[in-house]
Protein backbone atom coordinates (compact mmCIF):
# COMPACT_ATOMS: atom_id res chain seq x y z
CA UNK A 1 124.78 40.07 71.01
CA UNK A 2 126.05 42.20 73.90
CA UNK A 3 129.23 43.41 72.11
CA UNK A 4 127.19 44.44 69.08
CA UNK A 5 124.71 46.35 71.22
CA UNK A 6 127.53 48.08 73.09
CA UNK A 7 129.14 49.16 69.85
CA UNK A 8 125.85 50.40 68.44
CA UNK A 9 125.03 52.16 71.69
CA UNK A 10 128.12 54.29 71.30
CA UNK A 11 127.00 55.71 67.98
CA UNK A 12 125.22 59.01 67.56
CA UNK A 13 122.31 57.20 65.89
CA UNK A 14 121.19 55.54 69.08
CA UNK A 15 121.69 58.75 71.07
CA UNK A 16 119.55 60.66 68.59
CA UNK A 17 116.81 58.02 68.68
CA UNK A 18 116.87 57.98 72.45
CA UNK A 19 116.65 61.76 72.54
CA UNK A 20 113.66 61.68 70.23
CA UNK A 21 111.96 59.04 72.37
CA UNK A 22 112.64 60.91 75.59
CA UNK A 23 111.39 64.26 74.29
CA UNK A 24 108.36 62.75 72.61
CA UNK A 25 107.35 61.00 75.80
CA UNK A 26 108.29 63.79 78.17
CA UNK A 27 107.13 67.01 76.58
CA UNK A 28 104.16 67.26 74.20
CA UNK A 29 101.51 66.17 76.70
CA UNK A 30 100.23 69.20 78.56
CA UNK A 31 99.40 67.20 81.68
CA UNK A 32 103.09 66.29 82.04
CA UNK A 33 104.43 69.79 81.46
CA UNK A 34 105.91 72.21 83.91
CA UNK A 35 104.02 75.45 84.53
CA UNK A 36 105.46 78.90 84.04
CA UNK A 37 106.07 80.06 87.60
CA UNK A 38 106.30 83.58 88.96
CA UNK A 39 110.00 83.12 89.71
CA UNK A 40 110.68 82.01 86.15
CA UNK A 41 108.73 84.97 84.80
CA UNK A 42 110.66 87.40 87.02
CA UNK A 43 113.99 85.97 85.87
CA UNK A 44 112.91 86.45 82.26
CA UNK A 45 111.86 90.04 82.90
CA UNK A 46 115.26 90.78 84.47
CA UNK A 47 117.08 89.23 81.52
CA UNK A 48 114.88 91.11 79.06
CA UNK A 49 115.45 94.44 80.81
CA UNK A 50 119.23 94.11 80.98
CA UNK A 51 119.49 92.89 77.38
CA UNK A 52 117.47 95.87 76.18
CA UNK A 53 119.59 98.25 78.23
CA UNK A 54 122.70 96.99 76.47
CA UNK A 55 121.11 97.20 73.01
CA UNK A 56 119.20 100.48 73.24
CA UNK A 57 121.11 102.48 75.85
CA UNK A 58 124.65 101.47 74.94
CA UNK A 59 125.12 99.99 71.48
CA UNK A 60 122.52 102.00 69.55
CA UNK A 61 123.65 105.23 71.22
CA UNK A 62 127.26 104.70 70.21
CA UNK A 63 127.90 107.28 67.47
CA UNK A 64 130.70 105.26 65.84
CA UNK A 65 129.00 101.85 65.74
CA UNK A 66 125.63 100.43 64.74
CA UNK A 67 125.67 96.75 63.82
CA UNK A 68 126.29 94.06 66.40
CA UNK A 69 129.20 93.05 64.16
CA UNK A 70 130.82 96.36 65.10
CA UNK A 71 131.00 95.35 68.75
CA UNK A 72 132.83 92.03 68.40
CA UNK A 73 136.50 91.40 67.63
CA UNK A 74 137.87 92.22 64.19
CA UNK A 75 138.64 88.55 63.57
CA UNK A 76 135.12 87.43 64.47
CA UNK A 77 133.58 90.17 62.36
CA UNK A 78 135.75 89.25 59.39
CA UNK A 79 134.75 85.60 59.62
CA UNK A 80 131.06 86.49 59.82
CA UNK A 81 131.21 88.95 56.93
CA UNK A 82 133.01 86.49 54.67
CA UNK A 83 130.25 83.96 55.33
CA UNK A 84 127.56 86.56 54.63
CA UNK A 85 129.21 87.65 51.38
CA UNK A 86 129.09 84.03 50.22
CA UNK A 87 125.30 84.16 50.49
CA UNK A 88 124.96 82.14 53.68
CA UNK A 89 123.21 82.90 56.96
CA UNK A 90 125.39 83.45 60.01
CA UNK A 91 123.99 82.21 63.34
CA UNK A 92 125.80 82.16 66.66
CA UNK A 93 124.83 81.66 70.28
CA UNK A 94 125.16 84.85 72.28
CA UNK A 95 126.98 85.00 75.61
CA UNK A 96 124.39 85.26 78.40
CA UNK A 97 123.32 88.66 79.66
CA UNK A 98 124.74 89.15 83.15
CA UNK A 99 123.11 90.81 86.12
CA UNK A 100 124.31 94.01 87.79
CA UNK A 101 126.90 92.02 89.74
CA UNK A 102 128.33 90.32 86.66
CA UNK A 103 126.73 86.95 87.38
CA UNK A 104 124.54 84.78 85.18
CA UNK A 105 120.83 85.20 85.84
CA UNK A 106 119.39 82.11 87.53
CA UNK A 107 116.20 80.81 85.92
CA UNK A 108 114.32 78.28 88.04
CA UNK A 109 112.40 75.71 85.97
CA UNK A 110 113.28 77.47 82.75
CA UNK A 111 115.87 78.15 80.07
CA UNK A 112 116.62 81.43 78.31
CA UNK A 113 117.84 81.03 74.74
CA UNK A 114 119.86 83.90 73.31
CA UNK A 115 120.91 83.80 69.65
CA UNK A 116 122.33 86.18 67.07
CA UNK A 117 121.86 85.84 63.33
CA UNK A 118 122.70 87.87 60.24
CA UNK A 119 122.11 87.74 56.51
CA UNK A 120 123.12 89.94 53.56
CA UNK A 121 120.23 90.56 51.17
CA UNK A 122 121.44 91.75 47.75
CA UNK A 123 119.62 94.10 45.40
CA UNK A 124 117.34 95.88 47.86
CA UNK A 125 117.19 99.16 49.77
CA UNK A 126 116.46 99.49 53.48
CA UNK A 127 113.19 101.37 52.96
CA UNK A 128 111.92 98.80 50.45
CA UNK A 129 112.89 95.93 52.74
CA UNK A 130 111.06 97.48 55.69
CA UNK A 131 107.90 98.06 53.62
CA UNK A 132 107.97 94.40 52.61
CA UNK A 133 108.45 93.21 56.21
CA UNK A 134 105.67 95.51 57.46
CA UNK A 135 103.17 93.98 55.02
CA UNK A 136 102.18 91.58 57.78
CA UNK A 137 99.06 90.36 55.98
CA UNK A 138 101.45 88.73 53.49
CA UNK A 139 104.01 87.37 55.95
CA UNK A 140 102.70 83.80 55.67
CA UNK A 141 103.44 83.81 51.93
CA UNK A 142 107.18 84.07 52.46
CA UNK A 143 108.16 82.86 55.93
CA UNK A 144 108.33 79.10 56.28
CA UNK A 145 107.26 78.89 59.93
CA UNK A 146 104.31 81.27 59.52
CA UNK A 147 101.08 79.52 58.52
CA UNK A 148 98.75 82.49 59.01
CA UNK A 149 99.44 86.20 59.47
CA UNK A 150 97.33 89.27 60.05
CA UNK A 151 97.94 92.93 60.79
CA UNK A 152 95.76 93.88 63.76
CA UNK A 153 94.14 97.28 64.45
CA UNK A 154 96.30 99.74 66.40
CA UNK A 155 95.66 100.46 70.05
CA UNK A 156 95.15 104.01 71.28
CA UNK A 157 98.50 105.70 71.76
CA UNK A 158 100.33 103.58 69.18
CA UNK A 159 102.71 105.50 66.93
CA UNK A 160 102.60 105.15 63.15
CA UNK A 161 105.68 102.93 63.40
CA UNK A 162 104.01 100.44 65.79
CA UNK A 163 102.50 97.26 64.37
CA UNK A 164 100.34 94.74 66.21
CA UNK A 165 100.43 91.37 64.53
CA UNK A 166 98.90 87.90 64.78
CA UNK A 167 100.99 84.95 63.58
CA UNK A 168 100.22 81.25 63.61
CA UNK A 169 103.56 79.47 63.88
CA UNK A 170 104.76 75.93 63.38
CA UNK A 171 108.19 75.25 64.88
CA UNK A 172 110.20 72.04 64.53
CA UNK A 173 113.33 71.00 66.42
CA UNK A 174 115.85 68.64 64.84
CA UNK A 175 113.00 66.90 62.94
CA UNK A 176 111.98 65.44 66.31
CA UNK A 177 109.24 67.66 67.75
CA UNK A 178 106.76 69.96 66.01
CA UNK A 179 104.76 72.52 68.00
CA UNK A 180 102.00 74.86 66.79
CA UNK A 181 101.17 78.26 68.27
CA UNK A 182 98.86 81.22 67.98
CA UNK A 183 101.00 84.25 68.80
CA UNK A 184 100.45 87.97 69.15
CA UNK A 185 103.28 90.49 68.71
CA UNK A 186 103.99 94.18 68.97
CA UNK A 187 106.71 95.43 66.61
CA UNK A 188 108.13 98.96 66.66
CA UNK A 189 110.43 100.45 64.00
CA UNK A 190 112.95 103.29 64.31
CA UNK A 191 115.02 105.21 61.80
CA UNK A 192 118.72 105.52 62.66
CA UNK A 193 120.00 107.91 60.04
CA UNK A 194 120.53 107.45 56.34
CA UNK A 195 120.42 103.80 55.29
CA UNK A 196 119.99 102.50 58.83
CA UNK A 197 117.01 101.36 60.90
CA UNK A 198 116.25 99.08 63.81
CA UNK A 199 113.19 97.46 65.35
CA UNK A 200 112.05 95.41 68.30
CA UNK A 201 109.33 92.78 68.45
CA UNK A 202 107.83 91.30 71.62
CA UNK A 203 105.21 88.63 72.03
CA UNK A 204 102.20 89.80 74.01
CA UNK A 205 100.58 86.36 74.07
CA UNK A 206 101.66 82.84 73.12
CA UNK A 207 99.07 80.05 73.02
CA UNK A 208 100.21 76.53 72.17
CA UNK A 209 97.72 74.52 70.11
CA UNK A 210 96.63 70.93 70.42
CA UNK A 211 95.01 69.23 67.46
CA UNK A 212 96.15 72.05 65.18
CA UNK A 213 94.19 72.11 61.94
CA UNK A 214 91.59 69.60 63.13
CA UNK A 215 88.04 70.03 64.48
CA UNK A 216 89.42 69.36 67.97
CA UNK A 217 91.94 72.22 67.83
CA UNK A 218 92.20 74.27 71.01
CA UNK A 219 94.54 76.69 72.73
CA UNK A 220 96.26 75.54 75.90
CA UNK A 221 96.38 77.95 78.86
CA UNK A 222 99.32 80.33 78.71
CA UNK A 223 102.25 79.02 80.70
CA UNK A 224 100.59 75.62 81.24
CA UNK A 225 101.61 73.76 78.12
CA UNK A 226 104.58 71.77 76.81
CA UNK A 227 106.79 74.77 77.56
CA UNK A 228 108.84 74.98 74.38
CA UNK A 229 108.15 78.70 73.98
CA UNK A 230 106.82 80.87 76.79
CA UNK A 231 108.30 84.19 75.67
CA UNK A 232 109.94 85.49 72.48
CA UNK A 233 111.60 88.83 71.71
CA UNK A 234 113.61 89.83 68.67
CA UNK A 235 115.76 92.89 68.06
CA UNK A 236 116.61 93.81 64.47
CA UNK A 237 119.15 96.10 62.79
CA UNK A 238 119.15 96.99 59.09
CA UNK A 239 122.04 98.70 57.32
CA UNK A 240 122.53 99.57 53.67
CA UNK A 241 125.80 98.13 52.42
CA UNK A 242 126.38 98.77 48.73
CA UNK A 243 123.42 97.51 46.71
CA UNK A 244 122.18 95.29 49.53
CA UNK A 245 121.07 95.33 53.16
CA UNK A 246 122.85 93.64 56.02
CA UNK A 247 120.18 92.38 58.41
CA UNK A 248 120.90 91.37 61.99
CA UNK A 249 118.55 89.76 64.48
CA UNK A 250 119.15 89.13 68.16
CA UNK A 251 116.59 86.75 69.59
CA UNK A 252 115.83 85.89 73.21
CA UNK A 253 113.22 83.33 74.21
CA UNK A 254 112.09 81.46 77.30
CA UNK A 255 111.27 77.77 77.52
CA UNK A 256 110.76 75.20 80.24
CA UNK A 257 113.80 73.62 81.84
CA UNK A 258 115.20 70.15 81.19
CA UNK A 259 112.31 67.66 81.39
CA UNK A 260 112.16 66.00 84.79
CA UNK A 261 111.80 62.58 83.21
CA UNK A 262 115.34 62.86 81.84
CA UNK A 263 116.72 62.04 85.27
CA UNK A 264 115.41 58.50 84.82
CA UNK A 265 117.34 57.93 81.61
CA UNK A 266 121.00 57.01 82.12
CA UNK A 267 121.57 56.55 78.41
CA UNK A 268 121.43 60.27 77.68
CA UNK A 269 123.42 63.19 79.01
CA UNK A 270 121.62 66.35 80.07
CA UNK A 271 123.73 68.17 77.51
CA UNK A 272 122.21 66.12 74.69
CA UNK A 273 118.66 66.88 75.80
CA UNK A 274 119.45 70.55 76.29
CA UNK A 275 120.93 70.68 72.81
CA UNK A 276 117.72 69.37 71.25
CA UNK A 277 115.60 71.84 73.23
CA UNK A 278 117.85 74.72 72.19
CA UNK A 279 117.67 73.73 68.55
CA UNK A 280 114.12 75.16 68.38
CA UNK A 281 115.12 78.84 68.71
CA UNK A 282 118.34 78.40 66.72
CA UNK A 283 116.66 76.68 63.80
CA UNK A 284 113.78 79.16 63.92
CA UNK A 285 116.14 82.13 63.65
CA UNK A 286 118.01 80.59 60.74
CA UNK A 287 114.74 79.75 58.97
CA UNK A 288 113.45 83.31 59.46
CA UNK A 289 116.58 84.90 58.00
CA UNK A 290 116.64 82.45 55.09
CA UNK A 291 112.98 83.12 54.35
CA UNK A 292 113.65 86.87 54.37
CA UNK A 293 116.62 86.56 52.03
CA UNK A 294 114.75 84.31 49.59
CA UNK A 295 111.39 86.10 49.80
CA UNK A 296 112.11 89.81 49.53
CA UNK A 297 113.56 89.91 45.98
CA UNK A 298 110.26 88.60 44.64
CA UNK A 299 108.40 91.70 45.67
CA UNK A 300 110.69 94.60 46.45
CA UNK A 301 114.08 94.21 44.79
CA UNK A 302 114.80 96.57 41.86
CA UNK A 303 113.82 95.09 38.52
């Protein structure tokens, strides 16, 4: 029996099952979760600030470039565009934002996930696409992860291009873990010349739910939950290309670090666990872009 077990142990099937068992045991229970500490929050705020400086103060002020695809190598851009023209979604992990000294930002008890995604939506204009996106009361009809959506009243001082939104989200990682949230967002839109626009969206509150959809449903305290999503920002660019719109999204999010219990499991590498945790933001970004591509023609594409 031992040789058979050894052979089976080497397969990805056992690793995947072990990962599922470890994460299921280690994470969903709030009493076993790590709390969002002040140091973790400060590291996130530094990362957020420096990322936004690069996007808003450098890239979007460059008169000869606009899309993120314009700032990568010609070979990388060509590969991405060929994939987009074939109708697929392009998703890639971003290199980490570095601090003022060129070093990676240290995040105690947390992980920052930084992803880039793009999709080419045929048969639609930028203005029509933005109107469709800004119909937040209908977002849940088209976006797979969104179970409820509502446009909230503006706050004093908000511009006409500022939207405050409530979304109930269900996020799943690698078909292993499903987490439900009530989330509140502020989204701001900007014109960038003919056929171009960009926007930013930041969560103002994230409340993980237990017993979602049942009489016992309740919100867990912010930062004292399973820790899959403590913060979430997204930065969008929209550009008219022919009869379609090329949409880009850069997403940064904050989660807890590697579960402490992993140290007791010799059968799994930390890299495997980290990969499963990181699949949440990656899969969410891909799902969002796919939902946008498949949903918008039903309501705003030319007929």
